[in-house]
Protein backbone atom coordinates (compact mmCIF):
# COMPACT_ATOMS: atom_id res chain seq x y z
CA MET A 1 -13.03 7.85 18.04
CA GLY A 2 -16.18 9.24 16.43
CA VAL A 3 -17.30 8.92 12.92
CA PHE A 4 -13.52 8.71 12.20
CA VAL A 5 -13.15 4.76 13.05
CA PHE A 6 -15.21 4.63 9.80
CA LEU A 7 -12.14 6.27 7.77
CA PRO A 8 -10.19 3.55 7.00
CA LEU A 9 -13.10 1.10 5.44
CA VAL A 10 -13.58 3.76 3.13
CA LEU A 11 -10.36 5.88 2.12
CA PRO A 12 -9.50 3.20 -0.15
CA LEU A 13 -12.22 4.83 -2.32
CA THR A 14 -9.33 7.81 -2.67
CA ALA A 15 -6.85 4.58 -4.45
CA TRP A 16 -9.36 3.97 -7.73
CA PRO A 17 -7.72 7.14 -9.44
CA VAL A 18 -4.15 6.78 -9.39
CA ALA A 19 -4.92 2.68 -9.83
CA ARG A 20 -5.81 3.55 -13.87
CA ARG A 21 -3.58 6.53 -14.33
CA ALA A 22 -0.35 4.83 -12.63
CA GLU A 23 -0.47 1.75 -14.94
CA GLN A 24 -1.02 4.02 -17.81
CA HIS A 25 1.42 6.70 -17.24
CA LEU A 26 4.19 5.56 -14.71
CA HIS A 27 6.95 2.84 -15.70
CA PRO A 28 5.46 -0.74 -14.47
CA ARG A 29 8.30 -0.47 -11.52
CA THR A 30 7.18 2.57 -9.60
CA ALA A 31 3.60 1.59 -10.40
CA THR A 32 4.13 -1.63 -9.08
CA TRP A 33 5.34 -0.33 -6.08
CA LEU A 34 3.36 2.58 -5.12
CA LEU A 35 -0.09 0.36 -5.92
CA SER A 36 1.24 -2.66 -3.60
CA LEU A 37 2.25 -0.16 -0.68
CA THR A 38 -1.01 1.74 -1.16
CA ALA A 39 -3.16 -1.39 -1.48
CA ALA A 40 -1.11 -3.02 1.71
CA VAL A 41 -1.27 0.16 3.66
CA LEU A 42 -4.85 0.96 3.08
CA ALA A 43 -6.13 -2.73 3.87
CA VAL A 44 -4.23 -3.28 7.09
CA CYS A 45 -6.14 0.12 7.96
CA SER A 46 -9.45 -1.16 7.43
CA THR A 47 -8.81 -4.79 8.76
CA VAL A 48 -7.88 -2.84 11.75
CA CYS A 49 -10.92 -0.70 12.04
CA LEU A 50 -13.09 -4.06 11.91
CA ALA A 51 -11.37 -5.28 14.71
CA LEU A 52 -11.71 -2.61 16.92
CA LEU A 53 -15.63 -2.58 16.11
CA MET A 54 -15.83 -6.78 16.60
CA VAL A 55 -14.07 -6.06 19.99
CA VAL A 56 -17.12 -3.73 21.03
CA GLY A 57 -19.78 -5.65 19.07
CA THR A 58 -18.55 -8.68 20.94
CA ALA A 59 -18.58 -7.32 24.45
CA GLN A 60 -22.44 -6.66 23.58
CA LEU A 61 -22.82 -10.54 23.35
CA PRO A 62 -24.33 -12.20 26.30
CA GLY A 63 -21.80 -14.92 27.72
CA ASN A 64 -18.76 -13.30 25.64
CA PRO A 65 -15.46 -13.99 27.62
CA LEU A 66 -14.62 -10.24 27.66
CA PRO A 67 -15.04 -8.08 30.72
CA ASP A 68 -18.53 -6.84 31.62
CA GLY A 69 -16.79 -3.24 32.15
CA TRP A 70 -16.54 -3.22 28.20
CA SER A 71 -20.17 -3.30 27.62
CA ASP A 72 -21.04 -0.17 29.75
CA GLU A 73 -21.78 2.64 28.36
CA GLU A 74 -18.87 4.62 28.23
CA VAL A 75 -17.43 2.01 26.09
CA ARG A 76 -20.20 1.98 23.64
CA GLU A 77 -20.18 5.80 23.30
CA ALA A 78 -17.08 5.82 22.14
CA VAL A 79 -18.51 4.12 18.99
CA PRO A 80 -21.45 5.57 16.75
CA TYR A 81 -24.26 3.25 15.89
CA ASP A 82 -22.37 0.87 18.03
CA GLU A 83 -24.96 -1.77 18.40
CA ILE A 84 -25.47 -1.92 14.36
CA ALA A 85 -21.59 -1.56 13.80
CA GLY A 86 -20.14 -3.23 16.67
CA LYS A 87 -22.52 -6.70 15.87
CA ALA A 88 -21.81 -6.11 11.85
CA ALA A 89 -18.57 -6.13 12.21
CA ILE A 90 -17.99 -9.57 14.14
CA PRO A 91 -19.34 -11.40 10.68
CA ALA A 92 -17.55 -9.11 8.51
CA LEU A 93 -14.38 -9.45 9.82
CA LEU A 94 -14.77 -13.31 9.97
CA ALA A 95 -14.94 -13.07 6.29
CA VAL A 96 -12.10 -11.43 5.47
CA VAL A 97 -9.88 -13.96 7.93
CA VAL A 98 -11.50 -16.88 5.88
CA ALA A 99 -11.24 -14.76 2.87
CA CYS A 100 -7.23 -14.18 3.47
CA SER A 101 -6.69 -17.51 4.83
CA ARG A 102 -8.28 -19.09 1.47
CA VAL A 103 -5.41 -17.11 -0.94
CA LEU A 104 -2.62 -18.08 1.35
CA TRP A 105 -3.99 -21.53 1.62
CA ARG A 106 -4.11 -21.81 -2.45
CA HIS A 107 -0.95 -20.44 -2.63
CA ARG A 108 1.04 -22.27 -0.40
CA ARG A 109 -0.81 -25.49 -2.48
CA ILE A 110 -0.27 -24.68 -5.66
CA ARG A 111 3.44 -23.71 -5.01
CA ARG A 112 3.82 -27.20 -2.88
CA GLY A 113 1.91 -29.31 -5.71
CA ALA A 114 4.02 -27.69 -8.26
CA GLU A 115 7.90 -28.44 -6.43
CA GLU A 116 6.97 -31.95 -5.87
CA ALA A 117 6.05 -32.34 -9.44
CA LEU A 118 9.31 -30.75 -10.68
CA ALA A 119 11.33 -33.27 -7.61
CA ARG A 120 12.47 -35.60 -9.80
CA LEU A 121 13.60 -33.51 -12.62
CA PRO A 122 17.46 -32.20 -12.67
CA ARG A 123 17.73 -28.79 -10.25
CA LYS A 124 17.93 -26.66 -13.06
CA PRO A 125 16.38 -22.90 -13.73
CA VAL A 126 14.32 -24.05 -16.02
CA ALA A 127 12.11 -26.79 -16.00
CA VAL A 128 10.34 -28.29 -19.30
CA LEU A 129 7.51 -30.45 -18.30
CA PRO A 130 6.51 -32.93 -21.32
CA ASP A 131 2.51 -31.74 -21.22
CA GLU A 132 0.16 -30.85 -24.35
CA VAL A 133 -1.45 -28.11 -22.30
CA PRO A 134 0.70 -24.35 -23.38
CA TYR A 135 1.49 -22.60 -20.38
CA ALA A 136 4.96 -21.05 -18.69
CA TYR A 137 5.18 -19.57 -15.27
CA ALA A 138 7.57 -18.42 -12.62
CA LEU A 139 7.74 -20.75 -9.51
CA PRO A 140 9.43 -18.94 -6.64
CA SER A 141 11.24 -21.42 -4.31
CA GLY A 142 14.25 -20.67 -2.25
CA ARG A 143 16.62 -17.71 -3.73
CA ARG A 144 16.43 -18.09 -7.28
CA GLY A 145 13.15 -20.21 -7.81
CA ARG A 146 12.58 -22.41 -11.52
CA VAL A 147 11.09 -21.16 -14.97
CA VAL A 148 8.16 -23.98 -15.41
CA VAL A 149 7.18 -24.12 -19.10
CA SER A 150 5.33 -27.05 -21.32
CA THR A 151 6.88 -28.39 -24.45
CA ALA A 152 3.24 -27.27 -25.47
CA MET A 153 4.44 -23.90 -25.41
CA LEU A 154 8.07 -24.43 -26.56
CA SER A 155 6.80 -25.99 -29.39
CA CYS A 156 4.60 -22.73 -30.36
CA LEU A 157 7.31 -20.37 -30.41
CA ASN A 158 10.51 -20.01 -32.35
CA GLY A 159 14.33 -19.54 -30.92
CA PRO A 160 13.99 -15.41 -30.41
CA GLU A 161 10.23 -16.06 -29.06
CA ARG A 162 11.36 -18.49 -26.66
CA ARG A 163 14.86 -16.42 -25.63
CA ALA A 164 11.97 -13.59 -24.41
CA LEU A 165 9.78 -16.20 -22.90
CA PHE A 166 12.64 -17.01 -20.39
CA ALA A 167 13.81 -13.60 -19.96
CA HIS A 168 9.92 -12.71 -18.97
CA GLU A 169 9.89 -15.15 -16.64
CA ARG A 170 13.26 -14.58 -14.79
CA VAL A 171 12.75 -10.95 -14.24
CA HIS A 172 9.15 -12.02 -12.28
CA LEU A 173 11.81 -14.47 -10.09
CA THR A 174 14.49 -12.05 -9.70
CA SER A 175 12.10 -9.17 -8.88
CA ARG A 176 9.69 -11.28 -6.53
CA HIS A 177 6.78 -10.11 -8.18
CA HIS A 178 4.58 -12.73 -6.58
CA ARG A 179 5.26 -11.02 -3.47
CA PHE A 180 3.16 -8.19 -4.96
CA LEU A 181 0.82 -9.63 -6.31
CA LEU A 182 -0.19 -12.00 -3.15
CA VAL A 183 -0.13 -8.53 -1.26
CA VAL A 184 -2.75 -7.06 -3.69
CA GLN A 185 -4.87 -10.53 -3.73
CA LEU A 186 -4.96 -10.24 0.46
CA ALA A 187 -5.71 -6.25 0.26
CA ALA A 188 -8.55 -6.82 -2.09
CA GLN A 189 -9.82 -9.68 0.41
CA ALA A 190 -9.86 -7.50 3.34
CA ASN A 191 -11.45 -4.62 1.49
CA PRO A 192 -13.43 -4.94 -1.93
CA PHE A 193 -12.77 -1.26 -2.71
CA LEU A 194 -8.97 -2.32 -3.35
CA ARG A 195 -10.22 -4.70 -6.09
CA PRO A 196 -9.16 -2.03 -8.72
CA LEU A 197 -5.61 -2.09 -7.28
CA ARG A 198 -5.52 -5.93 -7.72
CA ALA A 199 -6.01 -5.79 -11.37
CA ALA A 200 -3.82 -2.70 -12.12
CA VAL A 201 -0.70 -4.75 -10.33
CA THR A 202 -1.66 -8.00 -12.14
CA TYR A 203 -1.03 -5.72 -15.45
CA THR A 204 2.24 -3.45 -13.78
CA VAL A 205 3.95 -6.85 -12.94
CA GLU A 206 3.78 -8.12 -16.59
CA ARG A 207 4.59 -4.66 -17.78
CA TRP A 208 7.73 -4.95 -15.74
CA ALA A 209 8.73 -7.88 -17.26
CA ASP A 210 7.72 -6.82 -20.58
CA GLU A 211 10.15 -4.06 -20.24
CA GLU A 212 13.27 -5.55 -18.73
CA ALA A 213 13.19 -8.93 -20.99
CA ALA A 214 12.30 -6.92 -24.18
CA GLN A 215 15.96 -4.85 -22.80
CA ALA A 216 17.52 -8.04 -22.13
CA ILE A 217 17.02 -9.68 -25.53
CA GLY A 218 17.62 -6.51 -27.46
CA SER A 219 13.83 -6.50 -29.50
CA ARG A 220 10.77 -4.99 -28.50
CA ARG A 221 8.90 -6.34 -31.14
CA VAL A 222 10.23 -9.99 -30.92
CA MET A 223 8.83 -9.53 -27.19
CA ALA A 224 5.40 -8.26 -28.10
CA VAL A 225 4.80 -10.89 -30.72
CA ALA A 226 6.25 -13.56 -28.40
CA VAL A 227 3.32 -12.06 -25.94
CA GLY A 228 0.84 -11.97 -28.46
CA LYS A 229 1.93 -15.46 -29.31
CA ALA A 230 1.54 -17.54 -26.30
CA ALA A 231 -1.74 -15.69 -25.12
CA LEU A 232 -3.52 -17.29 -27.92
CA VAL A 233 -2.85 -20.91 -26.78
CA SER A 234 -1.63 -20.35 -22.99
CA ARG A 235 -3.96 -21.29 -19.94
CA GLY A 236 -1.65 -18.33 -17.67
CA ALA A 237 -0.52 -19.30 -14.20
CA PRO A 238 -1.99 -22.25 -11.64
CA THR A 239 -3.08 -19.16 -9.24
CA ALA A 240 -3.83 -15.71 -9.57
CA THR A 241 -0.52 -15.00 -7.20
CA LEU A 242 1.83 -16.89 -9.76
CA ALA A 243 2.94 -14.82 -12.42
CA GLY A 244 2.44 -16.03 -15.85
CA PHE A 245 3.76 -15.53 -19.19
CA ALA A 246 0.41 -14.72 -20.81
CA ALA A 247 -1.16 -12.78 -17.73
CA GLY A 248 -2.96 -9.75 -17.26
CA PRO A 249 -4.53 -7.58 -20.56
CA VAL A 250 -2.49 -8.89 -23.34
CA PRO A 251 -3.69 -6.24 -26.02
CA ARG A 252 -2.65 -3.55 -24.22
CA ARG A 253 1.13 -5.23 -23.14
CA VAL A 254 1.33 -5.79 -26.46
CA ALA A 255 0.38 -2.21 -27.73
CA ALA A 256 2.83 -1.04 -25.26
CA LEU A 257 5.46 -2.99 -26.36
CA LEU A 258 5.11 -2.04 -29.65
CA GLY A 259 5.39 1.87 -28.66
CA PRO A 260 8.07 3.97 -27.10
CA ALA A 261 9.76 2.58 -24.01
CA PRO A 262 8.28 4.32 -20.62
CA ALA A 263 10.30 6.71 -18.85
CA VAL A 264 12.05 5.82 -15.73
CA CYS A 265 10.40 7.98 -12.75
CA VAL A 266 10.59 7.87 -9.18
CA TRP A 267 7.61 9.91 -8.57
CA PRO A 268 5.29 11.80 -10.80
CA PRO A 269 5.19 15.61 -11.30
CA VAL A 270 2.54 17.02 -8.85
CA PHE A 271 0.58 19.06 -11.42
CA THR A 272 -0.31 16.76 -13.71
CA ALA A 273 -3.43 13.88 -13.78
CA VAL A 274 -0.97 10.61 -12.24
CA GLY A 275 0.75 12.90 -10.09
CA LEU A 276 -2.66 14.67 -8.52
CA ALA A 277 -3.87 10.82 -8.64
CA ALA A 278 -1.15 9.82 -6.79
CA TRP A 279 -0.71 11.99 -3.76
CA THR A 280 -4.73 11.76 -3.32
CA ALA A 281 -3.64 8.03 -3.10
CA ALA A 282 -0.78 8.37 -0.87
CA ALA A 283 -3.03 11.36 1.57
CA GLY A 284 -5.91 8.41 1.67
CA ALA A 285 -3.67 6.03 2.97
CA THR A 286 -1.67 8.64 5.61
CA MET A 287 -5.57 9.67 6.97
CA SER A 288 -6.69 5.56 7.01
CA ALA A 289 -3.22 5.22 9.05
CA LEU A 290 -3.59 8.26 11.34
CA SER A 291 -7.51 7.49 11.98
CA SER A 292 -6.67 3.63 12.73
CA ALA A 293 -3.85 4.72 14.92
CA ASN A 294 -5.68 6.95 16.86
CA SER A 295 -8.89 4.88 17.05
CA ALA A 296 -6.93 1.92 18.44
CA VAL A 297 -5.11 4.52 21.02
CA THR A 298 -8.69 5.92 22.49
CA LEU A 299 -10.18 2.50 22.35
CA PHE A 300 -7.31 1.04 24.47
CA PHE A 301 -7.83 3.91 26.79
CA VAL A 302 -11.44 3.74 27.08
CA LEU A 303 -10.92 -0.18 28.15
CA LYS A 304 -8.76 0.31 29.85
CA ALA A 305 -10.52 2.56 31.96
CA ALA A 306 -13.64 0.34 32.10
CA THR A 307 -11.90 -2.83 32.57
CA PRO A 308 -12.29 -3.48 36.71
CA LEU A 309 -9.18 -4.08 38.82
């Protein structure tokens, strides 16, 4: 394996350039898919890397339940700096598992709490709650989900702006934006180097919903005014894994809506800044996957050879 076993831990750095470029120059839908897939691949590979190192580290601990042969010199030689890296990987992997579990637990708890609060209301696509706190967010549930909005939020908007709000949240539901947000939240917990991608996707999913909602209501300006007014009074969604109307960098969203609509492209041209950044991120994700696979296969055969019959 050599030093290549450590590559998945640092290769997420190759995705930093594409995070900023993608949210500025790509269509929000394309940027969301690109950044989410890149984050997922890099996070899985870095976690596999920690797991491989943890196996070597755990085998060196006295009283471990692993076969004695797994702590032989031949096995330890497969990992550079095995004494330090192997033992450091144990708390690191434990921290990743705990952090990801907390994100999943909080996401599930918030969703279940919201569903229980709405259980006594009529089963309609929009749930209006009598609340003095302004908020609006998309609550995924089943195939369609529901738009949750407070009376305080509705009182801050006029008729066209309310239509913009509902159109925006419906895009969140139909496009399953909560899944993208959950993926990048988990990825950022698995590897801190992926936090720029989490911030970028938080912005691009809102821009995605802004653009499709503006097209649905037929006015980008009304959409921009609604976003701006809601941001001044809203507290946002109850958790980062749910999409809210006033989430993300609102001034940038408003400025983008007041400008021309973004061009739709499946993949950016190679000989552009965003194209080079995208290909760099793709190359980094590919190298990370290959390195993880190579390390896993190599360690499997090394451990198999060291396992007593």
